[in-house]
Amino acid sequence: MKPILLIGGHGITGRKTAQQLRLRHPHVPLAIAGRNLAAAQAFADELGNAVAYAADICGNVPDLGLPHGEFSAMAVFLMDETGDALRFASDHAIPYVAVTGGAFEMGLQFAIGMHAMDDCSITIASNWFCGGALMAILALCSELSSVEAVTAGIVIDRNDGPSGPATRADFERILGTCTSMPLRSQGIYKWVTGEAGKADYTGTGGRKLEGSPAVSVDAVAIGAATGARDVTVLETWGDSLSWLEERLSSDEIVIEARGTASDGSRVVIRQEVVAPRDTAPITAITIAMLLDGAAGLASGVPLAPGIYTAERALDPAKAAVWMKEAGVRFGPVSVRSA
């Protein structure tokens, strides 16, 4: 088959995504592209069954400097600020996955995507971990017959996993442009500043943590998918419990959902999800899932042309199974009366 194109594929997240794809689909060829051809070639040689290209998504060269019609799907690991990468996908009918952007930038991505949606699938994964947290949250919420409120806390552990330049540029751009974050309160979607939206929650191992509203669109997506009238997704930058206990860097997600159980009782259910950075990089796992679906690697049927978000491109239950198989640890679900 035609290779899957990873623009920025020799960066930190790109490398981990390529490795996840290779683990799941060892025979699928990959194309590693970036501004640094030598770095791309070195990683392609390391992977095997991979080619390398110099790529420019800044509008300086036609067709990004890439060959025509040579790819079964593509992911872009940096902000497509010119829209040229999406135009390339549209011109050559290549399923496209965008893995960066804040909640406020989705309007731009959708507006540009409207002009390409008849030619290819466009998946905009402007979520924490590109939808990994959202999949875990929606999978847990599916255990309730109705959902009233959801609170999720995400601990981002940066102790031994430094961010690459694309990730740093993302957060500098997002935090420098928009200081308000979305949540849902009493059925109303709101934008609140980090200070106003700060809240305490119980993290892994019973730790008391403080979080700020997430920069992502997850709170809106959860409200729309579940009908919950109160939704808060908090982010905490600090030490994971794994780091404190074992010096192993991990990203953590703690989820609490209040609603009605199948027997009619009102309950609160809780689950802790831990993704060891070295062995189970949750962002890379999720991007690999999105590319698998976009190219139709497992199903044999590529994603139909149109615009998708992570929760429309992936099935939460199946995504949770894949994450578990990849090493993400889903703790037991606890239940208490509401």
C-alpha atoms as a PDB file:
ATOM      1  CA  MET A   1       0.000   0.000   0.000  1.00  0.00           C
ATOM      2  CA  LYS A   2       0.971   3.643  -0.227  1.00  0.00           C
ATOM      3  CA  PRO A   3       2.889   4.944   2.791  1.00  0.00           C
ATOM      4  CA  ILE A   4       1.406   7.003   5.584  1.00  0.00           C
ATOM      5  CA  LEU A   5       2.928  10.483   5.590  1.00  0.00           C
ATOM      6  CA  LEU A   6       4.057  12.030   8.875  1.00  0.00           C
ATOM      7  CA  ILE A   7       4.950  15.711   8.452  1.00  0.00           C
ATOM      8  CA  GLY A   8       7.171  16.507  11.411  1.00  0.00           C
ATOM      9  CA  GLY A   9       7.582  12.769  11.831  1.00  0.00           C
ATOM     10  CA  HIS A  10      11.161  12.997  13.084  1.00  0.00           C
ATOM     11  CA  GLY A  11      10.125  15.099  16.114  1.00  0.00           C
ATOM     12  CA  ILE A  12       9.401  13.648  19.537  1.00  0.00           C
ATOM     13  CA  THR A  13       5.681  12.911  19.048  1.00  0.00           C
ATOM     14  CA  GLY A  14       6.138  12.024  15.380  1.00  0.00           C
ATOM     15  CA  ARG A  15       8.742   9.407  16.245  1.00  0.00           C
ATOM     16  CA  LYS A  16       6.547   7.828  18.898  1.00  0.00           C
ATOM     17  CA  THR A  17       3.578   7.784  16.518  1.00  0.00           C
ATOM     18  CA  ALA A  18       5.640   6.078  13.819  1.00  0.00           C
ATOM     19  CA  GLN A  19       6.753   3.490  16.352  1.00  0.00           C
ATOM     20  CA  GLN A  20       3.158   2.853  17.455  1.00  0.00           C
ATOM     21  CA  LEU A  21       2.067   2.400  13.841  1.00  0.00           C
ATOM     22  CA  ARG A  22       4.966   0.041  13.223  1.00  0.00           C
ATOM     23  CA  LEU A  23       4.033  -2.031  16.289  1.00  0.00           C
ATOM     24  CA  ARG A  24       0.389  -2.305  15.186  1.00  0.00           C
ATOM     25  CA  HIS A  25       0.989  -2.581  11.450  1.00  0.00           C
ATOM     26  CA  PRO A  26       4.566  -3.754  10.876  1.00  0.00           C
ATOM     27  CA  HIS A  27       4.197  -4.042   7.103  1.00  0.00           C
ATOM     28  CA  VAL A  28       2.707  -0.595   6.436  1.00  0.00           C
ATOM     29  CA  PRO A  29       5.285   1.738   4.827  1.00  0.00           C
ATOM     30  CA  LEU A  30       5.847   5.152   6.344  1.00  0.00           C
ATOM     31  CA  ALA A  31       7.033   8.474   4.923  1.00  0.00           C
ATOM     32  CA  ILE A  32       8.914  10.727   7.346  1.00  0.00           C
ATOM     33  CA  ALA A  33       8.905  14.378   6.243  1.00  0.00           C
ATOM     34  CA  GLY A  34      10.209  17.583   7.739  1.00  0.00           C
ATOM     35  CA  ARG A  35      12.369  20.620   7.215  1.00  0.00           C
ATOM     36  CA  ASN A  36      15.471  18.680   8.226  1.00  0.00           C
ATOM     37  CA  LEU A  37      15.938  16.032   5.545  1.00  0.00           C
ATOM     38  CA  ALA A  38      18.983  14.532   7.250  1.00  0.00           C
ATOM     39  CA  ALA A  39      17.050  13.977  10.486  1.00  0.00           C
ATOM     40  CA  ALA A  40      14.081  12.567   8.576  1.00  0.00           C
ATOM     41  CA  GLN A  41      16.334  10.200   6.626  1.00  0.00           C
ATOM     42  CA  ALA A  42      18.130   9.023   9.755  1.00  0.00           C
ATOM     43  CA  PHE A  43      14.838   8.136  11.431  1.00  0.00           C
ATOM     44  CA  ALA A  44      13.483   6.483   8.264  1.00  0.00           C
ATOM     45  CA  ASP A  45      16.612   4.334   8.120  1.00  0.00           C
ATOM     46  CA  GLU A  46      16.152   3.434  11.778  1.00  0.00           C
ATOM     47  CA  LEU A  47      12.517   2.420  11.202  1.00  0.00           C
ATOM     48  CA  GLY A  48      13.046   0.480   8.003  1.00  0.00           C
ATOM     49  CA  ASN A  49      10.363   0.220   5.322  1.00  0.00           C
ATOM     50  CA  ALA A  50      10.245   4.015   5.342  1.00  0.00           C
ATOM     51  CA  VAL A  51      11.224   6.884   3.057  1.00  0.00           C
ATOM     52  CA  ALA A  52      12.221  10.447   3.902  1.00  0.00           C
ATOM     53  CA  TYR A  53      11.313  13.761   2.303  1.00  0.00           C
ATOM     54  CA  ALA A  54      12.071  17.414   2.853  1.00  0.00           C
ATOM     55  CA  ALA A  55       8.714  19.165   3.342  1.00  0.00           C
ATOM     56  CA  ASP A  56       7.752  22.827   3.610  1.00  0.00           C
ATOM     57  CA  ILE A  57       4.252  23.740   4.822  1.00  0.00           C
ATOM     58  CA  CYS A  58       4.939  27.482   4.869  1.00  0.00           C
ATOM     59  CA  GLY A  59       3.886  28.180   1.277  1.00  0.00           C
ATOM     60  CA  ASN A  60       7.407  28.437  -0.089  1.00  0.00           C
ATOM     61  CA  VAL A  61       7.295  25.521  -2.548  1.00  0.00           C
ATOM     62  CA  PRO A  62       4.487  23.954  -4.618  1.00  0.00           C
ATOM     63  CA  ASP A  63       2.835  20.848  -3.143  1.00  0.00           C
ATOM     64  CA  LEU A  64       4.995  21.131  -0.006  1.00  0.00           C
ATOM     65  CA  GLY A  65       7.887  19.759  -2.055  1.00  0.00           C
ATOM     66  CA  LEU A  66       6.329  16.283  -1.889  1.00  0.00           C
ATOM     67  CA  PRO A  67       5.462  13.783  -4.655  1.00  0.00           C
ATOM     68  CA  HIS A  68       1.862  13.627  -5.868  1.00  0.00           C
ATOM     69  CA  GLY A  69      -0.578  10.896  -4.975  1.00  0.00           C
ATOM     70  CA  GLU A  70       1.896   8.806  -3.050  1.00  0.00           C
ATOM     71  CA  PHE A  71       0.243   8.584   0.372  1.00  0.00           C
ATOM     72  CA  SER A  72      -2.649   6.687   1.970  1.00  0.00           C
ATOM     73  CA  ALA A  73      -3.090   9.173   4.852  1.00  0.00           C
ATOM     74  CA  MET A  74      -1.166  12.019   6.453  1.00  0.00           C
ATOM     75  CA  ALA A  75      -0.721  13.632   9.860  1.00  0.00           C
ATOM     76  CA  VAL A  76       0.718  17.089  10.484  1.00  0.00           C
ATOM     77  CA  PHE A  77       2.539  17.472  13.806  1.00  0.00           C
ATOM     78  CA  LEU A  78       2.788  21.259  13.739  1.00  0.00           C
ATOM     79  CA  MET A  79       0.266  24.017  13.168  1.00  0.00           C
ATOM     80  CA  ASP A  80      -0.724  24.252   9.509  1.00  0.00           C
ATOM     81  CA  GLU A  81      -0.795  28.062   9.664  1.00  0.00           C
ATOM     82  CA  THR A  82      -0.967  28.582   5.887  1.00  0.00           C
ATOM     83  CA  GLY A  83      -3.472  25.797   5.204  1.00  0.00           C
ATOM     84  CA  ASP A  84      -1.096  24.486   2.534  1.00  0.00           C
ATOM     85  CA  ALA A  85      -0.830  21.012   4.060  1.00  0.00           C
ATOM     86  CA  LEU A  86      -4.610  20.668   4.005  1.00  0.00           C
ATOM     87  CA  ARG A  87      -4.716  21.947   0.424  1.00  0.00           C
ATOM     88  CA  PHE A  88      -2.140  19.311  -0.513  1.00  0.00           C
ATOM     89  CA  ALA A  89      -4.361  16.643   1.078  1.00  0.00           C
ATOM     90  CA  SER A  90      -7.407  17.971  -0.748  1.00  0.00           C
ATOM     91  CA  ASP A  91      -5.679  18.232  -4.124  1.00  0.00           C
ATOM     92  CA  HIS A  92      -4.521  14.620  -3.924  1.00  0.00           C
ATOM     93  CA  ALA A  93      -7.455  13.083  -1.955  1.00  0.00           C
ATOM     94  CA  ILE A  94      -5.287  12.090   1.032  1.00  0.00           C
ATOM     95  CA  PRO A  95      -7.058  11.544   4.392  1.00  0.00           C
ATOM     96  CA  TYR A  96      -5.733  14.272   6.701  1.00  0.00           C
ATOM     97  CA  VAL A  97      -5.239  14.345  10.475  1.00  0.00           C
ATOM     98  CA  ALA A  98      -4.460  17.623  12.286  1.00  0.00           C
ATOM     99  CA  VAL A  99      -3.010  16.974  15.717  1.00  0.00           C
ATOM    100  CA  THR A 100      -2.490  20.467  17.066  1.00  0.00           C
ATOM    101  CA  GLY A 101      -4.417  23.625  17.903  1.00  0.00           C
ATOM    102  CA  GLY A 102      -6.295  25.164  20.793  1.00  0.00           C
ATOM    103  CA  ALA A 103     -10.060  25.243  21.232  1.00  0.00           C
ATOM    104  CA  PHE A 104     -10.279  28.770  19.814  1.00  0.00           C
ATOM    105  CA  GLU A 105      -8.427  27.693  16.631  1.00  0.00           C
ATOM    106  CA  MET A 106     -10.922  25.039  15.610  1.00  0.00           C
ATOM    107  CA  GLY A 107     -13.055  27.680  13.880  1.00  0.00           C
ATOM    108  CA  LEU A 108     -10.181  28.422  11.517  1.00  0.00           C
ATOM    109  CA  GLN A 109      -9.555  24.740  10.922  1.00  0.00           C
ATOM    110  CA  PHE A 110     -13.217  24.065  10.181  1.00  0.00           C
ATOM    111  CA  ALA A 111     -13.510  27.093   7.874  1.00  0.00           C
ATOM    112  CA  ILE A 112     -10.501  25.974   5.840  1.00  0.00           C
ATOM    113  CA  GLY A 113     -11.595  22.354   5.976  1.00  0.00           C
ATOM    114  CA  MET A 114     -15.005  23.170   4.485  1.00  0.00           C
ATOM    115  CA  HIS A 115     -13.243  23.735   1.163  1.00  0.00           C
ATOM    116  CA  ALA A 116     -11.589  20.319   1.230  1.00  0.00           C
ATOM    117  CA  MET A 117     -14.198  18.066   2.846  1.00  0.00           C
ATOM    118  CA  ASP A 118     -15.545  16.755  -0.466  1.00  0.00           C
ATOM    119  CA  ASP A 119     -12.117  15.435  -1.456  1.00  0.00           C
ATOM    120  CA  CYS A 120     -10.804  13.722   1.658  1.00  0.00           C
ATOM    121  CA  SER A 121     -11.510  13.060   5.321  1.00  0.00           C
ATOM    122  CA  ILE A 122     -10.257  15.799   7.626  1.00  0.00           C
ATOM    123  CA  THR A 123      -9.861  14.901  11.280  1.00  0.00           C
ATOM    124  CA  ILE A 124      -9.275  17.802  13.664  1.00  0.00           C
ATOM    125  CA  ALA A 125      -7.982  16.391  16.945  1.00  0.00           C
ATOM    126  CA  SER A 126      -7.603  19.561  19.028  1.00  0.00           C
ATOM    127  CA  ASN A 127      -8.002  17.576  22.235  1.00  0.00           C
ATOM    128  CA  TRP A 128      -5.779  16.636  25.107  1.00  0.00           C
ATOM    129  CA  PHE A 129      -3.572  13.790  23.870  1.00  0.00           C
ATOM    130  CA  CYS A 130      -5.279  14.244  20.475  1.00  0.00           C
ATOM    131  CA  GLY A 131      -8.412  12.602  21.864  1.00  0.00           C
ATOM    132  CA  GLY A 132      -6.886  10.015  24.194  1.00  0.00           C
ATOM    133  CA  ALA A 133      -8.337  11.642  27.316  1.00  0.00           C
ATOM    134  CA  LEU A 134     -11.698  12.137  25.597  1.00  0.00           C
ATOM    135  CA  MET A 135     -11.894   8.457  24.594  1.00  0.00           C
ATOM    136  CA  ALA A 136     -11.264   7.367  28.196  1.00  0.00           C
ATOM    137  CA  ILE A 137     -13.854   9.819  29.523  1.00  0.00           C
ATOM    138  CA  LEU A 138     -16.561   8.839  27.043  1.00  0.00           C
ATOM    139  CA  ALA A 139     -15.869   5.142  27.571  1.00  0.00           C
ATOM    140  CA  LEU A 140     -16.458   5.580  31.317  1.00  0.00           C
ATOM    141  CA  CYS A 141     -19.558   7.728  30.797  1.00  0.00           C
ATOM    142  CA  SER A 142     -21.078   4.979  28.638  1.00  0.00           C
ATOM    143  CA  GLU A 143     -21.549   2.958  31.835  1.00  0.00           C
ATOM    144  CA  LEU A 144     -24.272   5.406  32.920  1.00  0.00           C
ATOM    145  CA  SER A 145     -27.737   5.550  31.386  1.00  0.00           C
ATOM    146  CA  SER A 146     -27.667   9.347  31.737  1.00  0.00           C
ATOM    147  CA  VAL A 147     -24.885  11.762  32.684  1.00  0.00           C
ATOM    148  CA  GLU A 148     -25.384  14.901  34.777  1.00  0.00           C
ATOM    149  CA  ALA A 149     -21.825  16.097  35.440  1.00  0.00           C
ATOM    150  CA  VAL A 150     -18.268  15.208  34.482  1.00  0.00           C
ATOM    151  CA  THR A 151     -15.030  16.360  36.056  1.00  0.00           C
ATOM    152  CA  ALA A 152     -11.711  15.208  34.652  1.00  0.00           C
ATOM    153  CA  GLY A 153      -8.254  16.072  35.900  1.00  0.00           C
ATOM    154  CA  ILE A 154      -5.237  15.638  33.650  1.00  0.00           C
ATOM    155  CA  VAL A 155      -1.728  15.597  35.114  1.00  0.00           C
ATOM    156  CA  ILE A 156       0.962  16.357  32.554  1.00  0.00           C
ATOM    157  CA  ASP A 157       4.286  15.041  33.795  1.00  0.00           C
ATOM    158  CA  ARG A 158       7.300  16.672  32.156  1.00  0.00           C
ATOM    159  CA  ASN A 159      10.016  15.305  34.427  1.00  0.00           C
ATOM    160  CA  ASP A 160      11.954  13.194  31.946  1.00  0.00           C
ATOM    161  CA  GLY A 161      10.032  13.783  28.726  1.00  0.00           C
ATOM    162  CA  PRO A 162      10.888  17.250  27.366  1.00  0.00           C
ATOM    163  CA  SER A 163       8.552  18.710  24.785  1.00  0.00           C
ATOM    164  CA  GLY A 164       9.734  19.168  21.232  1.00  0.00           C
ATOM    165  CA  PRO A 165       9.833  22.553  19.488  1.00  0.00           C
ATOM    166  CA  ALA A 166       6.437  22.036  17.802  1.00  0.00           C
ATOM    167  CA  THR A 167       4.717  21.314  21.136  1.00  0.00           C
ATOM    168  CA  ARG A 168       6.400  24.276  22.816  1.00  0.00           C
ATOM    169  CA  ALA A 169       5.387  26.530  19.925  1.00  0.00           C
ATOM    170  CA  ASP A 170       1.790  25.284  20.283  1.00  0.00           C
ATOM    171  CA  PHE A 171       1.493  26.233  23.922  1.00  0.00           C
ATOM    172  CA  GLU A 172       3.279  29.544  23.457  1.00  0.00           C
ATOM    173  CA  ARG A 173       0.882  30.439  20.632  1.00  0.00           C
ATOM    174  CA  ILE A 174      -2.235  29.232  22.432  1.00  0.00           C
ATOM    175  CA  LEU A 175      -1.493  30.794  25.808  1.00  0.00           C
ATOM    176  CA  GLY A 176      -0.250  33.988  24.208  1.00  0.00           C
ATOM    177  CA  THR A 177      -3.394  34.392  22.120  1.00  0.00           C
ATOM    178  CA  CYS A 178      -6.271  33.157  24.256  1.00  0.00           C
ATOM    179  CA  THR A 179      -6.278  33.370  28.053  1.00  0.00           C
ATOM    180  CA  SER A 180      -9.807  31.945  28.428  1.00  0.00           C
ATOM    181  CA  MET A 181     -10.713  28.264  28.404  1.00  0.00           C
ATOM    182  CA  PRO A 182     -14.057  26.487  27.832  1.00  0.00           C
ATOM    183  CA  LEU A 183     -16.223  24.641  30.318  1.00  0.00           C
ATOM    184  CA  ARG A 184     -19.927  23.920  30.780  1.00  0.00           C
ATOM    185  CA  SER A 185     -21.849  25.134  33.826  1.00  0.00           C
ATOM    186  CA  GLN A 186     -25.587  24.560  34.402  1.00  0.00           C
ATOM    187  CA  GLY A 187     -25.989  23.766  30.725  1.00  0.00           C
ATOM    188  CA  ILE A 188     -24.201  26.884  29.483  1.00  0.00           C
ATOM    189  CA  TYR A 189     -20.890  26.742  27.649  1.00  0.00           C
ATOM    190  CA  LYS A 190     -18.589  29.423  29.025  1.00  0.00           C
ATOM    191  CA  TRP A 191     -15.103  30.813  28.549  1.00  0.00           C
ATOM    192  CA  VAL A 192     -13.298  31.431  31.836  1.00  0.00           C
ATOM    193  CA  THR A 193      -9.821  32.636  32.662  1.00  0.00           C
ATOM    194  CA  GLY A 194      -7.402  30.210  34.241  1.00  0.00           C
ATOM    195  CA  GLU A 195      -7.586  31.942  37.601  1.00  0.00           C
ATOM    196  CA  ALA A 196     -11.388  32.083  37.713  1.00  0.00           C
ATOM    197  CA  GLY A 197     -11.741  28.470  36.660  1.00  0.00           C
ATOM    198  CA  LYS A 198      -9.164  26.938  38.993  1.00  0.00           C
ATOM    199  CA  ALA A 199     -10.496  24.073  41.083  1.00  0.00           C
ATOM    200  CA  ASP A 200      -9.304  21.320  43.383  1.00  0.00           C
ATOM    201  CA  TYR A 201      -9.746  17.645  42.581  1.00  0.00           C
ATOM    202  CA  THR A 202      -8.585  14.275  43.853  1.00  0.00           C
ATOM    203  CA  GLY A 203      -5.776  12.869  41.727  1.00  0.00           C
ATOM    204  CA  THR A 204      -4.297   9.411  41.508  1.00  0.00           C
ATOM    205  CA  GLY A 205      -3.568   7.792  44.830  1.00  0.00           C
ATOM    206  CA  GLY A 206      -5.894  10.209  46.629  1.00  0.00           C
ATOM    207  CA  ARG A 207      -3.614  13.223  46.156  1.00  0.00           C
ATOM    208  CA  LYS A 208      -5.245  16.647  46.445  1.00  0.00           C
ATOM    209  CA  LEU A 209      -4.416  18.643  43.323  1.00  0.00           C
ATOM    210  CA  GLU A 210      -5.311  22.000  41.840  1.00  0.00           C
ATOM    211  CA  GLY A 211      -6.043  22.369  38.143  1.00  0.00           C
ATOM    212  CA  SER A 212      -6.856  25.075  35.641  1.00  0.00           C
ATOM    213  CA  PRO A 213      -9.421  24.741  32.837  1.00  0.00           C
ATOM    214  CA  ALA A 214      -7.911  22.888  29.892  1.00  0.00           C
ATOM    215  CA  VAL A 215      -6.782  24.703  26.766  1.00  0.00           C
ATOM    216  CA  SER A 216      -8.481  22.008  24.676  1.00  0.00           C
ATOM    217  CA  VAL A 217     -12.021  21.604  23.363  1.00  0.00           C
ATOM    218  CA  ASP A 218     -12.639  18.514  25.502  1.00  0.00           C
ATOM    219  CA  ALA A 219     -15.168  20.088  27.883  1.00  0.00           C
ATOM    220  CA  VAL A 220     -17.357  21.103  24.958  1.00  0.00           C
ATOM    221  CA  ALA A 221     -16.991  17.705  23.294  1.00  0.00           C
ATOM    222  CA  ILE A 222     -17.954  15.876  26.502  1.00  0.00           C
ATOM    223  CA  GLY A 223     -21.009  18.076  27.017  1.00  0.00           C
ATOM    224  CA  ALA A 224     -22.163  17.536  23.443  1.00  0.00           C
ATOM    225  CA  ALA A 225     -21.558  13.778  23.499  1.00  0.00           C
ATOM    226  CA  THR A 226     -23.072  12.991  26.908  1.00  0.00           C
ATOM    227  CA  GLY A 227     -25.577  15.772  27.547  1.00  0.00           C
ATOM    228  CA  ALA A 228     -23.917  16.510  30.900  1.00  0.00           C
ATOM    229  CA  ARG A 229     -24.857  20.021  32.008  1.00  0.00           C
ATOM    230  CA  ASP A 230     -21.737  20.529  34.113  1.00  0.00           C
ATOM    231  CA  VAL A 231     -18.388  19.636  32.579  1.00  0.00           C
ATOM    232  CA  THR A 232     -14.933  20.699  33.692  1.00  0.00           C
ATOM    233  CA  VAL A 233     -11.639  19.415  32.336  1.00  0.00           C
ATOM    234  CA  LEU A 234      -8.716  20.537  34.468  1.00  0.00           C
ATOM    235  CA  GLU A 235      -5.022  20.374  33.692  1.00  0.00           C
ATOM    236  CA  THR A 236      -2.212  20.195  36.223  1.00  0.00           C
ATOM    237  CA  TRP A 237       1.434  20.497  35.238  1.00  0.00           C
ATOM    238  CA  GLY A 238       3.517  18.696  37.817  1.00  0.00           C
ATOM    239  CA  ASP A 239       4.662  15.380  39.221  1.00  0.00           C
ATOM    240  CA  SER A 240       2.758  12.215  38.462  1.00  0.00           C
ATOM    241  CA  LEU A 241       2.335   9.653  41.214  1.00  0.00           C
ATOM    242  CA  SER A 242       4.527   7.282  39.175  1.00  0.00           C
ATOM    243  CA  TRP A 243       7.306   9.858  39.217  1.00  0.00           C
ATOM    244  CA  LEU A 244       7.029  10.473  42.952  1.00  0.00           C
ATOM    245  CA  GLU A 245       7.044   6.766  43.778  1.00  0.00           C
ATOM    246  CA  GLU A 246       9.219   5.213  41.074  1.00  0.00           C
ATOM    247  CA  ARG A 247      10.819   8.073  39.112  1.00  0.00           C
ATOM    248  CA  LEU A 248       8.835   6.920  36.062  1.00  0.00           C
ATOM    249  CA  SER A 249       7.271   9.763  34.099  1.00  0.00           C
ATOM    250  CA  SER A 250       3.587   9.192  33.316  1.00  0.00           C
ATOM    251  CA  ASP A 251       0.604  11.214  32.188  1.00  0.00           C
ATOM    252  CA  GLU A 252      -2.523  10.717  34.304  1.00  0.00           C
ATOM    253  CA  ILE A 253      -6.251  11.175  33.780  1.00  0.00           C
ATOM    254  CA  VAL A 254      -8.737  10.969  36.646  1.00  0.00           C
ATOM    255  CA  ILE A 255     -12.415  10.945  35.723  1.00  0.00           C
ATOM    256  CA  GLU A 256     -15.542  11.348  37.810  1.00  0.00           C
ATOM    257  CA  ALA A 257     -19.002  11.211  36.253  1.00  0.00           C
ATOM    258  CA  ARG A 258     -22.286  11.729  38.102  1.00  0.00           C
ATOM    259  CA  GLY A 259     -25.510  10.399  36.709  1.00  0.00           C
ATOM    260  CA  THR A 260     -28.043   7.599  36.664  1.00  0.00           C
ATOM    261  CA  ALA A 261     -27.027   3.934  36.668  1.00  0.00           C
ATOM    262  CA  SER A 262     -28.869   1.248  34.706  1.00  0.00           C
ATOM    263  CA  ASP A 263     -30.869   0.330  37.823  1.00  0.00           C
ATOM    264  CA  GLY A 264     -32.125   3.909  38.221  1.00  0.00           C
ATOM    265  CA  SER A 265     -29.917   4.838  41.177  1.00  0.00           C
ATOM    266  CA  ARG A 266     -27.959   8.099  41.148  1.00  0.00           C
ATOM    267  CA  VAL A 267     -24.249   7.416  41.440  1.00  0.00           C
ATOM    268  CA  VAL A 268     -20.792   8.872  40.971  1.00  0.00           C
ATOM    269  CA  ILE A 269     -18.351   6.663  39.094  1.00  0.00           C
ATOM    270  CA  ARG A 270     -14.604   7.233  39.062  1.00  0.00           C
ATOM    271  CA  GLN A 271     -11.636   5.834  37.167  1.00  0.00           C
ATOM    272  CA  GLU A 272      -7.913   6.562  37.038  1.00  0.00           C
ATOM    273  CA  VAL A 273      -5.955   6.191  33.802  1.00  0.00           C
ATOM    274  CA  VAL A 274      -2.150   6.173  33.756  1.00  0.00           C
ATOM    275  CA  ALA A 275      -0.013   6.336  30.601  1.00  0.00           C
ATOM    276  CA  PRO A 276       3.708   5.705  31.185  1.00  0.00           C
ATOM    277  CA  ARG A 277       5.531   8.118  28.902  1.00  0.00           C
ATOM    278  CA  ASP A 278       8.235   5.693  27.741  1.00  0.00           C
ATOM    279  CA  THR A 279       6.121   2.599  27.115  1.00  0.00           C
ATOM    280  CA  ALA A 280       2.638   3.999  26.473  1.00  0.00           C
ATOM    281  CA  PRO A 281       2.799   7.542  25.044  1.00  0.00           C
ATOM    282  CA  ILE A 282      -0.912   8.305  24.954  1.00  0.00           C
ATOM    283  CA  THR A 283      -0.739  11.102  22.375  1.00  0.00           C
ATOM    284  CA  ALA A 284       1.172   8.932  19.914  1.00  0.00           C
ATOM    285  CA  ILE A 285      -1.154   5.983  20.519  1.00  0.00           C
ATOM    286  CA  THR A 286      -4.192   8.140  19.749  1.00  0.00           C
ATOM    287  CA  ILE A 287      -2.687   9.647  16.587  1.00  0.00           C
ATOM    288  CA  ALA A 288      -1.841   6.133  15.429  1.00  0.00           C
ATOM    289  CA  MET A 289      -5.488   5.146  15.985  1.00  0.00           C
ATOM    290  CA  LEU A 290      -6.684   8.168  14.009  1.00  0.00           C
ATOM    291  CA  LEU A 291      -4.355   7.356  11.111  1.00  0.00           C
ATOM    292  CA  ASP A 292      -5.387   3.700  11.215  1.00  0.00           C
ATOM    293  CA  GLY A 293      -9.021   4.735  10.792  1.00  0.00           C
ATOM    294  CA  ALA A 294      -8.301   7.456   8.230  1.00  0.00           C
ATOM    295  CA  ALA A 295      -6.340   5.086   5.984  1.00  0.00           C
ATOM    296  CA  GLY A 296      -8.582   2.087   6.698  1.00  0.00           C
ATOM    297  CA  LEU A 297      -5.627  -0.044   7.790  1.00  0.00           C
ATOM    298  CA  ALA A 298      -7.638  -2.398  10.002  1.00  0.00           C
ATOM    299  CA  SER A 299     -11.043  -2.061   8.347  1.00  0.00           C
ATOM    300  CA  GLY A 300      -9.910  -1.959   4.725  1.00  0.00           C
ATOM    301  CA  VAL A 301     -12.179   1.061   4.201  1.00  0.00           C
ATOM    302  CA  PRO A 302     -10.673   4.559   4.461  1.00  0.00           C
ATOM    303  CA  LEU A 303     -12.630   7.196   6.338  1.00  0.00           C
ATOM    304  CA  ALA A 304     -15.176   8.786   4.001  1.00  0.00           C
ATOM    305  CA  PRO A 305     -14.621  12.411   2.915  1.00  0.00           C
ATOM    306  CA  GLY A 306     -15.910  14.934   5.441  1.00  0.00           C
ATOM    307  CA  ILE A 307     -14.859  16.797   8.572  1.00  0.00           C
ATOM    308  CA  TYR A 308     -14.415  14.791  11.764  1.00  0.00           C
ATOM    309  CA  THR A 309     -13.412  15.392  15.349  1.00  0.00           C
ATOM    310  CA  ALA A 310     -11.720  12.762  17.490  1.00  0.00           C
ATOM    311  CA  GLU A 311     -14.985  11.506  19.000  1.00  0.00           C
ATOM    312  CA  ARG A 312     -16.536  11.119  15.544  1.00  0.00           C
ATOM    313  CA  ALA A 313     -13.502   9.408  14.027  1.00  0.00           C
ATOM    314  CA  LEU A 314     -12.996   6.912  16.870  1.00  0.00           C
ATOM    315  CA  ASP A 315     -15.229   4.587  18.855  1.00  0.00           C
ATOM    316  CA  PRO A 316     -14.493   5.191  22.575  1.00  0.00           C
ATOM    317  CA  ALA A 317     -14.882   1.540  23.616  1.00  0.00           C
ATOM    318  CA  LYS A 318     -12.617   0.263  20.835  1.00  0.00           C
ATOM    319  CA  ALA A 319     -10.147   3.074  21.460  1.00  0.00           C
ATOM    320  CA  ALA A 320      -9.973   2.137  25.152  1.00  0.00           C
ATOM    321  CA  VAL A 321      -9.192  -1.467  24.215  1.00  0.00           C
ATOM    322  CA  TRP A 322      -6.402  -0.342  21.874  1.00  0.00           C
ATOM    323  CA  MET A 323      -4.946   1.938  24.562  1.00  0.00           C
ATOM    324  CA  LYS A 324      -4.968  -0.898  27.087  1.00  0.00           C
ATOM    325  CA  GLU A 325      -3.243  -3.203  24.607  1.00  0.00           C
ATOM    326  CA  ALA A 326      -0.620  -0.501  24.057  1.00  0.00           C
ATOM    327  CA  GLY A 327       0.146  -0.285  27.779  1.00  0.00           C
ATOM    328  CA  VAL A 328      -2.112   2.499  29.086  1.00  0.00           C
ATOM    329  CA  ARG A 329      -3.358   1.400  32.503  1.00  0.00           C
ATOM    330  CA  PHE A 330      -7.092   1.761  33.197  1.00  0.00           C
ATOM    331  CA  GLY A 331      -7.805   1.371  36.890  1.00  0.00           C
ATOM    332  CA  PRO A 332     -10.953  -0.241  38.306  1.00  0.00           C
ATOM    333  CA  VAL A 333     -14.189   1.743  38.215  1.00  0.00           C
ATOM    334  CA  SER A 334     -15.342   2.773  41.682  1.00  0.00           C
ATOM    335  CA  VAL A 335     -19.002   3.558  42.402  1.00  0.00           C
ATOM    336  CA  ARG A 336     -20.550   5.552  45.220  1.00  0.00           C
ATOM    337  CA  SER A 337     -23.993   7.001  45.811  1.00  0.00           C
ATOM    338  CA  ALA A 338     -24.515  10.517  44.499  1.00  0.00           C
END
